[in-house]
Amino acid sequence: RRIEFARFADAPQDARFATGVAAFAELLRGGKYSGS
């Protein structure tokens, strides 16, 4: 928990960008686990 961030907006910039890329990939694959 020492490296945990309470809000997505507070996470490291690179971590948020990588998450956006992952979401893009998940949508291209069909969106089975991409939620809404």
Full PDB file with SEQRES, HELIX, SHEET, SSBOND, CRYST1, ORIGX, SCALE, CONECT and MASTER records, all heavy atoms in Angstrom:
SEQRES   1 A   36  ARG ARG ILE GLU PHE ALA ARG PHE ALA ASP ALA PRO GLN          
SEQRES   2 A   36  ASP ALA ARG PHE ALA THR GLY VAL ALA ALA PHE ALA GLU          
SEQRES   3 A   36  LEU LEU ARG GLY GLY LYS TYR SER GLY SER                      
HELIX    1 AA1 PHE A    8  ASP A   10  5                                   3    
HELIX    2 AA2 GLN A   13  LEU A   28  1                                  16    
CRYST1    1.000    1.000    1.000  90.00  90.00  90.00 P 1           1          
ORIGX1      1.000000  0.000000  0.000000        0.00000                         
ORIGX2      0.000000  1.000000  0.000000        0.00000                         
ORIGX3      0.000000  0.000000  1.000000        0.00000                         
SCALE1      1.000000  0.000000  0.000000        0.00000                         
SCALE2      0.000000  1.000000  0.000000        0.00000                         
SCALE3      0.000000  0.000000  1.000000        0.00000                         
ATOM      1  N   ARG A   1       0.806  -1.211   0.000  1.00  0.00           N  
ATOM      2  CA  ARG A   1       0.000   0.000   0.000  1.00  0.00           C  
ATOM      3  C   ARG A   1       0.845   1.269   0.000  1.00  0.00           C  
ATOM      4  O   ARG A   1       0.308   2.369  -0.208  1.00  0.00           O  
ATOM      5  CB  ARG A   1      -0.948  -0.014   1.199  1.00  0.00           C  
ATOM      6  CG  ARG A   1      -1.917  -1.195   1.167  1.00  0.00           C  
ATOM      7  CD  ARG A   1      -2.959  -1.101   2.279  1.00  0.00           C  
ATOM      8  NE  ARG A   1      -3.782  -2.304   2.334  1.00  0.00           N  
ATOM      9  CZ  ARG A   1      -4.848  -2.518   1.562  1.00  0.00           C  
ATOM     10  NH1 ARG A   1      -5.203  -1.622   0.667  1.00  0.00           N  
ATOM     11  NH2 ARG A   1      -5.551  -3.640   1.686  1.00  0.00           N  
ATOM     12  N   ARG A   2       2.135   1.156   0.194  1.00  0.00           N  
ATOM     13  CA  ARG A   2       2.986   2.352   0.168  1.00  0.00           C  
ATOM     14  C   ARG A   2       3.097   2.939  -1.237  1.00  0.00           C  
ATOM     15  O   ARG A   2       3.402   4.129  -1.383  1.00  0.00           O  
ATOM     16  CB  ARG A   2       4.383   2.018   0.692  1.00  0.00           C  
ATOM     17  CG  ARG A   2       4.427   1.696   2.176  1.00  0.00           C  
ATOM     18  CD  ARG A   2       5.807   1.260   2.594  1.00  0.00           C  
ATOM     19  NE  ARG A   2       6.232   0.051   1.877  1.00  0.00           N  
ATOM     20  CZ  ARG A   2       7.444  -0.491   2.000  1.00  0.00           C  
ATOM     21  NH1 ARG A   2       8.356   0.086   2.777  1.00  0.00           N  
ATOM     22  NH2 ARG A   2       7.736  -1.602   1.342  1.00  0.00           N  
ATOM     23  N   ILE A   3       2.854   2.117  -2.264  1.00  0.00           N  
ATOM     24  CA  ILE A   3       2.940   2.619  -3.634  1.00  0.00           C  
ATOM     25  C   ILE A   3       1.552   2.685  -4.276  1.00  0.00           C  
ATOM     26  O   ILE A   3       1.418   2.637  -5.487  1.00  0.00           O  
ATOM     27  CB  ILE A   3       3.898   1.731  -4.472  1.00  0.00           C  
ATOM     28  CG1 ILE A   3       3.696   0.216  -4.215  1.00  0.00           C  
ATOM     29  CG2 ILE A   3       5.343   2.061  -4.164  1.00  0.00           C  
ATOM     30  CD1 ILE A   3       2.634  -0.417  -4.982  1.00  0.00           C  
ATOM     31  N   GLU A   4       0.519   2.820  -3.452  1.00  0.00           N  
ATOM     32  CA  GLU A   4      -0.849   2.890  -3.959  1.00  0.00           C  
ATOM     33  C   GLU A   4      -1.325   4.337  -4.020  1.00  0.00           C  
ATOM     34  O   GLU A   4      -1.021   5.154  -3.133  1.00  0.00           O  
ATOM     35  CB  GLU A   4      -1.787   2.078  -3.066  1.00  0.00           C  
ATOM     36  CG  GLU A   4      -3.217   2.051  -3.581  1.00  0.00           C  
ATOM     37  CD  GLU A   4      -4.114   1.121  -2.794  1.00  0.00           C  
ATOM     38  OE1 GLU A   4      -3.631   0.509  -1.809  1.00  0.00           O  
ATOM     39  OE2 GLU A   4      -5.308   0.994  -3.158  1.00  0.00           O  
ATOM     40  N   PHE A   5      -2.104   4.655  -5.057  1.00  0.00           N  
ATOM     41  CA  PHE A   5      -2.686   5.979  -5.251  1.00  0.00           C  
ATOM     42  C   PHE A   5      -4.199   5.861  -5.138  1.00  0.00           C  
ATOM     43  O   PHE A   5      -4.812   4.972  -5.733  1.00  0.00           O  
ATOM     44  CB  PHE A   5      -2.288   6.556  -6.608  1.00  0.00           C  
ATOM     45  CG  PHE A   5      -0.796   6.750  -6.766  1.00  0.00           C  
ATOM     46  CD1 PHE A   5       0.012   5.708  -7.190  1.00  0.00           C  
ATOM     47  CD2 PHE A   5      -0.209   7.966  -6.458  1.00  0.00           C  
ATOM     48  CE1 PHE A   5       1.386   5.874  -7.325  1.00  0.00           C  
ATOM     49  CE2 PHE A   5       1.158   8.149  -6.587  1.00  0.00           C  
ATOM     50  CZ  PHE A   5       1.962   7.103  -7.015  1.00  0.00           C  
ATOM     51  N   ALA A   6      -4.790   6.787  -4.388  1.00  0.00           N  
ATOM     52  CA  ALA A   6      -6.215   6.708  -4.117  1.00  0.00           C  
ATOM     53  C   ALA A   6      -7.063   7.063  -5.335  1.00  0.00           C  
ATOM     54  O   ALA A   6      -8.169   6.539  -5.488  1.00  0.00           O  
ATOM     55  CB  ALA A   6      -6.577   7.624  -2.944  1.00  0.00           C  
ATOM     56  N   ARG A   7      -6.566   7.954  -6.192  1.00  0.00           N  
ATOM     57  CA  ARG A   7      -7.321   8.378  -7.378  1.00  0.00           C  
ATOM     58  C   ARG A   7      -6.543   8.072  -8.646  1.00  0.00           C  
ATOM     59  O   ARG A   7      -5.311   8.141  -8.660  1.00  0.00           O  
ATOM     60  CB  ARG A   7      -7.619   9.878  -7.317  1.00  0.00           C  
ATOM     61  CG  ARG A   7      -8.422  10.337  -6.115  1.00  0.00           C  
ATOM     62  CD  ARG A   7      -8.869  11.781  -6.325  1.00  0.00           C  
ATOM     63  NE  ARG A   7      -7.747  12.624  -6.749  1.00  0.00           N  
ATOM     64  CZ  ARG A   7      -7.896  13.776  -7.411  1.00  0.00           C  
ATOM     65  NH1 ARG A   7      -9.101  14.202  -7.746  1.00  0.00           N  
ATOM     66  NH2 ARG A   7      -6.827  14.497  -7.735  1.00  0.00           N  
ATOM     67  N   PHE A   8      -7.258   7.761  -9.703  1.00  0.00           N  
ATOM     68  CA  PHE A   8      -6.602   7.501 -10.988  1.00  0.00           C  
ATOM     69  C   PHE A   8      -5.839   8.729 -11.458  1.00  0.00           C  
ATOM     70  O   PHE A   8      -4.725   8.622 -11.983  1.00  0.00           O  
ATOM     71  CB  PHE A   8      -7.638   7.092 -12.036  1.00  0.00           C  
ATOM     72  CG  PHE A   8      -7.052   6.798 -13.392  1.00  0.00           C  
ATOM     73  CD1 PHE A   8      -6.385   5.605 -13.644  1.00  0.00           C  
ATOM     74  CD2 PHE A   8      -7.151   7.727 -14.420  1.00  0.00           C  
ATOM     75  CE1 PHE A   8      -5.831   5.337 -14.887  1.00  0.00           C  
ATOM     76  CE2 PHE A   8      -6.607   7.471 -15.674  1.00  0.00           C  
ATOM     77  CZ  PHE A   8      -5.943   6.274 -15.907  1.00  0.00           C  
ATOM     78  N   ALA A   9      -6.400   9.905 -11.247  1.00  0.00           N  
ATOM     79  CA  ALA A   9      -5.754  11.147 -11.695  1.00  0.00           C  
ATOM     80  C   ALA A   9      -4.444  11.412 -10.972  1.00  0.00           C  
ATOM     81  O   ALA A   9      -3.597  12.169 -11.472  1.00  0.00           O  
ATOM     82  CB  ALA A   9      -6.710  12.328 -11.496  1.00  0.00           C  
ATOM     83  N   ASP A  10      -4.238  10.791  -9.801  1.00  0.00           N  
ATOM     84  CA  ASP A  10      -3.011  11.001  -9.038  1.00  0.00           C  
ATOM     85  C   ASP A  10      -1.927   9.984  -9.385  1.00  0.00           C  
ATOM     86  O   ASP A  10      -0.778  10.118  -8.928  1.00  0.00           O  
ATOM     87  CB  ASP A  10      -3.305  10.910  -7.531  1.00  0.00           C  
ATOM     88  CG  ASP A  10      -4.241  12.017  -7.067  1.00  0.00           C  
ATOM     89  OD1 ASP A  10      -4.243  13.095  -7.702  1.00  0.00           O  
ATOM     90  OD2 ASP A  10      -4.981  11.788  -6.092  1.00  0.00           O  
ATOM     91  N   ALA A  11      -2.250   8.973 -10.152  1.00  0.00           N  
ATOM     92  CA  ALA A  11      -1.264   7.949 -10.527  1.00  0.00           C  
ATOM     93  C   ALA A  11      -0.186   8.565 -11.402  1.00  0.00           C  
ATOM     94  O   ALA A  11      -0.396   9.613 -12.032  1.00  0.00           O  
ATOM     95  CB  ALA A  11      -1.961   6.809 -11.260  1.00  0.00           C  
ATOM     96  N   PRO A  12       0.999   7.942 -11.469  1.00  0.00           N  
ATOM     97  CA  PRO A  12       2.066   8.477 -12.332  1.00  0.00           C  
ATOM     98  C   PRO A  12       1.591   8.650 -13.766  1.00  0.00           C  
ATOM     99  O   PRO A  12       0.790   7.863 -14.277  1.00  0.00           O  
ATOM    100  CB  PRO A  12       3.166   7.410 -12.227  1.00  0.00           C  
ATOM    101  CG  PRO A  12       2.926   6.749 -10.908  1.00  0.00           C  
ATOM    102  CD  PRO A  12       1.440   6.753 -10.714  1.00  0.00           C  
ATOM    103  N   GLN A  13       2.091   9.691 -14.414  1.00  0.00           N  
ATOM    104  CA  GLN A  13       1.661  10.020 -15.775  1.00  0.00           C  
ATOM    105  C   GLN A  13       1.858   8.854 -16.724  1.00  0.00           C  
ATOM    106  O   GLN A  13       0.971   8.513 -17.521  1.00  0.00           O  
ATOM    107  CB  GLN A  13       2.423  11.243 -16.265  1.00  0.00           C  
ATOM    108  CG  GLN A  13       1.972  11.775 -17.609  1.00  0.00           C  
ATOM    109  CD  GLN A  13       2.774  13.009 -18.010  1.00  0.00           C  
ATOM    110  OE1 GLN A  13       3.923  12.913 -18.390  1.00  0.00           O  
ATOM    111  NE2 GLN A  13       2.147  14.167 -17.904  1.00  0.00           N  
ATOM    112  N   ASP A  14       3.028   8.206 -16.675  1.00  0.00           N  
ATOM    113  CA  ASP A  14       3.298   7.081 -17.567  1.00  0.00           C  
ATOM    114  C   ASP A  14       2.349   5.915 -17.299  1.00  0.00           C  
ATOM    115  O   ASP A  14       1.948   5.199 -18.228  1.00  0.00           O  
ATOM    116  CB  ASP A  14       4.750   6.615 -17.413  1.00  0.00           C  
ATOM    117  CG  ASP A  14       5.714   7.464 -18.227  1.00  0.00           C  
ATOM    118  OD1 ASP A  14       5.246   8.217 -19.097  1.00  0.00           O  
ATOM    119  OD2 ASP A  14       6.927   7.375 -17.987  1.00  0.00           O  
ATOM    120  N   ALA A  15       1.973   5.711 -16.026  1.00  0.00           N  
ATOM    121  CA  ALA A  15       1.052   4.633 -15.687  1.00  0.00           C  
ATOM    122  C   ALA A  15      -0.329   4.903 -16.279  1.00  0.00           C  
ATOM    123  O   ALA A  15      -0.995   3.990 -16.796  1.00  0.00           O  
ATOM    124  CB  ALA A  15       0.951   4.478 -14.175  1.00  0.00           C  
ATOM    125  N   ARG A  16      -0.767   6.153 -16.240  1.00  0.00           N  
ATOM    126  CA  ARG A  16      -2.069   6.499 -16.816  1.00  0.00           C  
ATOM    127  C   ARG A  16      -2.047   6.366 -18.338  1.00  0.00           C  
ATOM    128  O   ARG A  16      -3.013   5.892 -18.946  1.00  0.00           O  
ATOM    129  CB  ARG A  16      -2.451   7.918 -16.400  1.00  0.00           C  
ATOM    130  CG  ARG A  16      -2.853   8.020 -14.928  1.00  0.00           C  
ATOM    131  CD  ARG A  16      -3.293   9.416 -14.550  1.00  0.00           C  
ATOM    132  NE  ARG A  16      -2.157  10.308 -14.367  1.00  0.00           N  
ATOM    133  CZ  ARG A  16      -1.959  11.453 -15.025  1.00  0.00           C  
ATOM    134  NH1 ARG A  16      -2.831  11.837 -15.954  1.00  0.00           N  
ATOM    135  NH2 ARG A  16      -0.914  12.203 -14.775  1.00  0.00           N  
ATOM    136  N   PHE A  17      -0.933   6.783 -18.969  1.00  0.00           N  
ATOM    137  CA  PHE A  17      -0.852   6.647 -20.425  1.00  0.00           C  
ATOM    138  C   PHE A  17      -0.865   5.176 -20.834  1.00  0.00           C  
ATOM    139  O   PHE A  17      -1.571   4.786 -21.767  1.00  0.00           O  
ATOM    140  CB  PHE A  17       0.408   7.324 -20.956  1.00  0.00           C  
ATOM    141  CG  PHE A  17       0.510   7.316 -22.458  1.00  0.00           C  
ATOM    142  CD1 PHE A  17      -0.148   8.269 -23.212  1.00  0.00           C  
ATOM    143  CD2 PHE A  17       1.236   6.331 -23.119  1.00  0.00           C  
ATOM    144  CE1 PHE A  17      -0.088   8.249 -24.602  1.00  0.00           C  
ATOM    145  CE2 PHE A  17       1.306   6.303 -24.500  1.00  0.00           C  
ATOM    146  CZ  PHE A  17       0.644   7.277 -25.240  1.00  0.00           C  
ATOM    147  N   ALA A  18      -0.097   4.341 -20.137  1.00  0.00           N  
ATOM    148  CA  ALA A  18      -0.079   2.905 -20.439  1.00  0.00           C  
ATOM    149  C   ALA A  18      -1.469   2.300 -20.269  1.00  0.00           C  
ATOM    150  O   ALA A  18      -1.875   1.420 -21.049  1.00  0.00           O  
ATOM    151  CB  ALA A  18       0.926   2.189 -19.543  1.00  0.00           C  
ATOM    152  N   THR A  19      -2.213   2.778 -19.284  1.00  0.00           N  
ATOM    153  CA  THR A  19      -3.579   2.296 -19.087  1.00  0.00           C  
ATOM    154  C   THR A  19      -4.464   2.663 -20.273  1.00  0.00           C  
ATOM    155  O   THR A  19      -5.281   1.844 -20.738  1.00  0.00           O  
ATOM    156  CB  THR A  19      -4.173   2.892 -17.791  1.00  0.00           C  
ATOM    157  OG1 THR A  19      -3.364   2.504 -16.679  1.00  0.00           O  
ATOM    158  CG2 THR A  19      -5.601   2.420 -17.577  1.00  0.00           C  
ATOM    159  N   GLY A  20      -4.300   3.889 -20.798  1.00  0.00           N  
ATOM    160  CA  GLY A  20      -5.062   4.292 -21.976  1.00  0.00           C  
ATOM    161  C   GLY A  20      -4.741   3.438 -23.188  1.00  0.00           C  
ATOM    162  O   GLY A  20      -5.640   3.057 -23.952  1.00  0.00           O  
ATOM    163  N   VAL A  21      -3.460   3.109 -23.364  1.00  0.00           N  
ATOM    164  CA  VAL A  21      -3.067   2.252 -24.485  1.00  0.00           C  
ATOM    165  C   VAL A  21      -3.667   0.856 -24.317  1.00  0.00           C  
ATOM    166  O   VAL A  21      -4.168   0.253 -25.276  1.00  0.00           O  
ATOM    167  CB  VAL A  21      -1.528   2.162 -24.593  1.00  0.00           C  
ATOM    168  CG1 VAL A  21      -1.138   1.262 -25.766  1.00  0.00           C  
ATOM    169  CG2 VAL A  21      -0.914   3.543 -24.764  1.00  0.00           C  
ATOM    170  N   ALA A  22      -3.637   0.347 -23.083  1.00  0.00           N  
ATOM    171  CA  ALA A  22      -4.215  -0.968 -22.819  1.00  0.00           C  
ATOM    172  C   ALA A  22      -5.716  -0.971 -23.109  1.00  0.00           C  
ATOM    173  O   ALA A  22      -6.247  -1.940 -23.683  1.00  0.00           O  
ATOM    174  CB  ALA A  22      -3.954  -1.371 -21.371  1.00  0.00           C  
ATOM    175  N   ALA A  23      -6.402   0.097 -22.724  1.00  0.00           N  
ATOM    176  CA  ALA A  23      -7.836   0.187 -22.991  1.00  0.00           C  
ATOM    177  C   ALA A  23      -8.111   0.197 -24.496  1.00  0.00           C  
ATOM    178  O   ALA A  23      -9.069  -0.438 -24.975  1.00  0.00           O  
ATOM    179  CB  ALA A  23      -8.405   1.444 -22.334  1.00  0.00           C  
ATOM    180  N   PHE A  24      -7.282   0.908 -25.253  1.00  0.00           N  
ATOM    181  CA  PHE A  24      -7.417   0.939 -26.711  1.00  0.00           C  
ATOM    182  C   PHE A  24      -7.269  -0.464 -27.284  1.00  0.00           C  
ATOM    183  O   PHE A  24      -8.067  -0.908 -28.125  1.00  0.00           O  
ATOM    184  CB  PHE A  24      -6.375   1.890 -27.282  1.00  0.00           C  
ATOM    185  CG  PHE A  24      -6.377   2.011 -28.784  1.00  0.00           C  
ATOM    186  CD1 PHE A  24      -7.558   2.198 -29.477  1.00  0.00           C  
ATOM    187  CD2 PHE A  24      -5.194   1.947 -29.506  1.00  0.00           C  
ATOM    188  CE1 PHE A  24      -7.566   2.323 -30.860  1.00  0.00           C  
ATOM    189  CE2 PHE A  24      -5.177   2.074 -30.880  1.00  0.00           C  
ATOM    190  CZ  PHE A  24      -6.373   2.255 -31.560  1.00  0.00           C  
ATOM    191  N   ALA A  25      -6.245  -1.175 -26.822  1.00  0.00           N  
ATOM    192  CA  ALA A  25      -6.015  -2.539 -27.306  1.00  0.00           C  
ATOM    193  C   ALA A  25      -7.189  -3.447 -26.955  1.00  0.00           C  
ATOM    194  O   ALA A  25      -7.640  -4.259 -27.776  1.00  0.00           O  
ATOM    195  CB  ALA A  25      -4.717  -3.086 -26.721  1.00  0.00           C  
ATOM    196  N   GLU A  26      -7.704  -3.317 -25.733  1.00  0.00           N  
ATOM    197  CA  GLU A  26      -8.817  -4.165 -25.315  1.00  0.00           C  
ATOM    198  C   GLU A  26     -10.061  -3.911 -26.164  1.00  0.00           C  
ATOM    199  O   GLU A  26     -10.797  -4.848 -26.513  1.00  0.00           O  
ATOM    200  CB  GLU A  26      -9.125  -3.909 -23.833  1.00  0.00           C  
ATOM    201  CG  GLU A  26      -8.001  -4.319 -22.883  1.00  0.00           C  
ATOM    202  CD  GLU A  26      -7.796  -5.815 -22.845  1.00  0.00           C  
ATOM    203  OE1 GLU A  26      -8.643  -6.515 -22.275  1.00  0.00           O  
ATOM    204  OE2 GLU A  26      -6.786  -6.286 -23.401  1.00  0.00           O  
ATOM    205  N   LEU A  27     -10.302  -2.651 -26.525  1.00  0.00           N  
ATOM    206  CA  LEU A  27     -11.449  -2.341 -27.381  1.00  0.00           C  
ATOM    207  C   LEU A  27     -11.269  -2.942 -28.772  1.00  0.00           C  
ATOM    208  O   LEU A  27     -12.224  -3.476 -29.357  1.00  0.00           O  
ATOM    209  CB  LEU A  27     -11.631  -0.820 -27.478  1.00  0.00           C  
ATOM    210  CG  LEU A  27     -12.162  -0.127 -26.218  1.00  0.00           C  
ATOM    211  CD1 LEU A  27     -12.128   1.381 -26.388  1.00  0.00           C  
ATOM    212  CD2 LEU A  27     -13.588  -0.594 -25.909  1.00  0.00           C  
ATOM    213  N   LEU A  28     -10.049  -2.872 -29.322  1.00  0.00           N  
ATOM    214  CA  LEU A  28      -9.790  -3.436 -30.642  1.00  0.00           C  
ATOM    215  C   LEU A  28      -9.962  -4.962 -30.635  1.00  0.00           C  
ATOM    216  O   LEU A  28     -10.314  -5.559 -31.656  1.00  0.00           O  
ATOM    217  CB  LEU A  28      -8.377  -3.080 -31.108  1.00  0.00           C  
ATOM    218  CG  LEU A  28      -8.116  -1.609 -31.442  1.00  0.00           C  
ATOM    219  CD1 LEU A  28      -6.635  -1.389 -31.746  1.00  0.00           C  
ATOM    220  CD2 LEU A  28      -8.963  -1.152 -32.631  1.00  0.00           C  
ATOM    221  N   ARG A  29      -9.732  -5.572 -29.485  1.00  0.00           N  
ATOM    222  CA  ARG A  29      -9.849  -7.028 -29.377  1.00  0.00           C  
ATOM    223  C   ARG A  29     -11.289  -7.479 -29.117  1.00  0.00           C  
ATOM    224  O   ARG A  29     -11.562  -8.676 -29.080  1.00  0.00           O  
ATOM    225  CB  ARG A  29      -8.947  -7.553 -28.256  1.00  0.00           C  
ATOM    226  CG  ARG A  29      -7.478  -7.269 -28.473  1.00  0.00           C  
ATOM    227  CD  ARG A  29      -6.620  -7.828 -27.358  1.00  0.00           C  
ATOM    228  NE  ARG A  29      -6.531  -9.273 -27.414  1.00  0.00           N  
ATOM    229  CZ  ARG A  29      -5.767 -10.007 -26.601  1.00  0.00           C  
ATOM    230  NH1 ARG A  29      -5.032  -9.415 -25.685  1.00  0.00           N  
ATOM    231  NH2 ARG A  29      -5.738 -11.312 -26.714  1.00  0.00           N  
ATOM    232  N   GLY A  30     -12.190  -6.534 -28.921  1.00  0.00           N  
ATOM    233  CA  GLY A  30     -13.582  -6.903 -28.703  1.00  0.00           C  
ATOM    234  C   GLY A  30     -14.187  -6.368 -27.428  1.00  0.00           C  
ATOM    235  O   GLY A  30     -15.405  -6.427 -27.231  1.00  0.00           O  
ATOM    236  N   GLY A  31     -13.352  -5.859 -26.514  1.00  0.00           N  
ATOM    237  CA  GLY A  31     -13.865  -5.210 -25.310  1.00  0.00           C  
ATOM    238  C   GLY A  31     -14.452  -6.141 -24.273  1.00  0.00           C  
ATOM    239  O   GLY A  31     -15.332  -5.745 -23.502  1.00  0.00           O  
ATOM    240  N   LYS A  32     -13.975  -7.379 -24.208  1.00  0.00           N  
ATOM    241  CA  LYS A  32     -14.541  -8.339 -23.257  1.00  0.00           C  
ATOM    242  C   LYS A  32     -14.338  -7.894 -21.811  1.00  0.00           C  
ATOM    243  O   LYS A  32     -15.209  -8.114 -20.961  1.00  0.00           O  
ATOM    244  CB  LYS A  32     -13.899  -9.711 -23.492  1.00  0.00           C  
ATOM    245  CG  LYS A  32     -14.439 -10.814 -22.593  1.00  0.00           C  
ATOM    246  CD  LYS A  32     -13.812 -12.155 -22.922  1.00  0.00           C  
ATOM    247  CE  LYS A  32     -14.362 -13.267 -22.048  1.00  0.00           C  
ATOM    248  NZ  LYS A  32     -13.750 -14.588 -22.375  1.00  0.00           N  
ATOM    249  N   TYR A  33     -13.184  -7.288 -21.515  1.00  0.00           N  
ATOM    250  CA  TYR A  33     -12.872  -6.905 -20.147  1.00  0.00           C  
ATOM    251  C   TYR A  33     -12.689  -5.397 -19.979  1.00  0.00           C  
ATOM    252  O   TYR A  33     -12.127  -4.952 -18.982  1.00  0.00           O  
ATOM    253  CB  TYR A  33     -11.596  -7.613 -19.682  1.00  0.00           C  
ATOM    254  CG  TYR A  33     -11.728  -9.120 -19.626  1.00  0.00           C  
ATOM    255  CD1 TYR A  33     -11.019  -9.918 -20.513  1.00  0.00           C  
ATOM    256  CD2 TYR A  33     -12.565  -9.740 -18.702  1.00  0.00           C  
ATOM    257  CE1 TYR A  33     -11.134 -11.311 -20.472  1.00  0.00           C  
ATOM    258  CE2 TYR A  33     -12.684 -11.121 -18.666  1.00  0.00           C  
ATOM    259  CZ  TYR A  33     -11.967 -11.890 -19.554  1.00  0.00           C  
ATOM    260  OH  TYR A  33     -12.091 -13.264 -19.506  1.00  0.00           O  
ATOM    261  N   SER A  34     -13.149  -4.621 -20.944  1.00  0.00           N  
ATOM    262  CA  SER A  34     -12.928  -3.172 -20.874  1.00  0.00           C  
ATOM    263  C   SER A  34     -14.069  -2.427 -20.203  1.00  0.00           C  
ATOM    264  O   SER A  34     -14.070  -1.196 -20.161  1.00  0.00           O  
ATOM    265  CB  SER A  34     -12.708  -2.610 -22.285  1.00  0.00           C  
ATOM    266  OG  SER A  34     -13.813  -2.907 -23.127  1.00  0.00           O  
ATOM    267  N   GLY A  35     -15.054  -3.147 -19.676  1.00  0.00           N  
ATOM    268  CA  GLY A  35     -16.146  -2.506 -18.960  1.00  0.00           C  
ATOM    269  C   GLY A  35     -16.929  -1.563 -19.850  1.00  0.00           C  
ATOM    270  O   GLY A  35     -17.299  -1.901 -20.977  1.00  0.00           O  
ATOM    271  N   SER A  36     -17.151  -0.348 -19.370  1.00  0.00           N  
ATOM    272  CA  SER A  36     -17.923   0.647 -20.116  1.00  0.00           C  
ATOM    273  C   SER A  36     -17.046   1.596 -20.909  1.00  0.00           C  
ATOM    274  O   SER A  36     -17.528   2.614 -21.408  1.00  0.00           O  
ATOM    275  CB  SER A  36     -18.802   1.448 -19.144  1.00  0.00           C  
ATOM    276  OG  SER A  36     -17.988   2.116 -18.180  1.00  0.00           O  
TER     277      SER A  36                                                      
MASTER        0    0    0    2    0    0    0    6  276    1    0    3          
END                                                                             
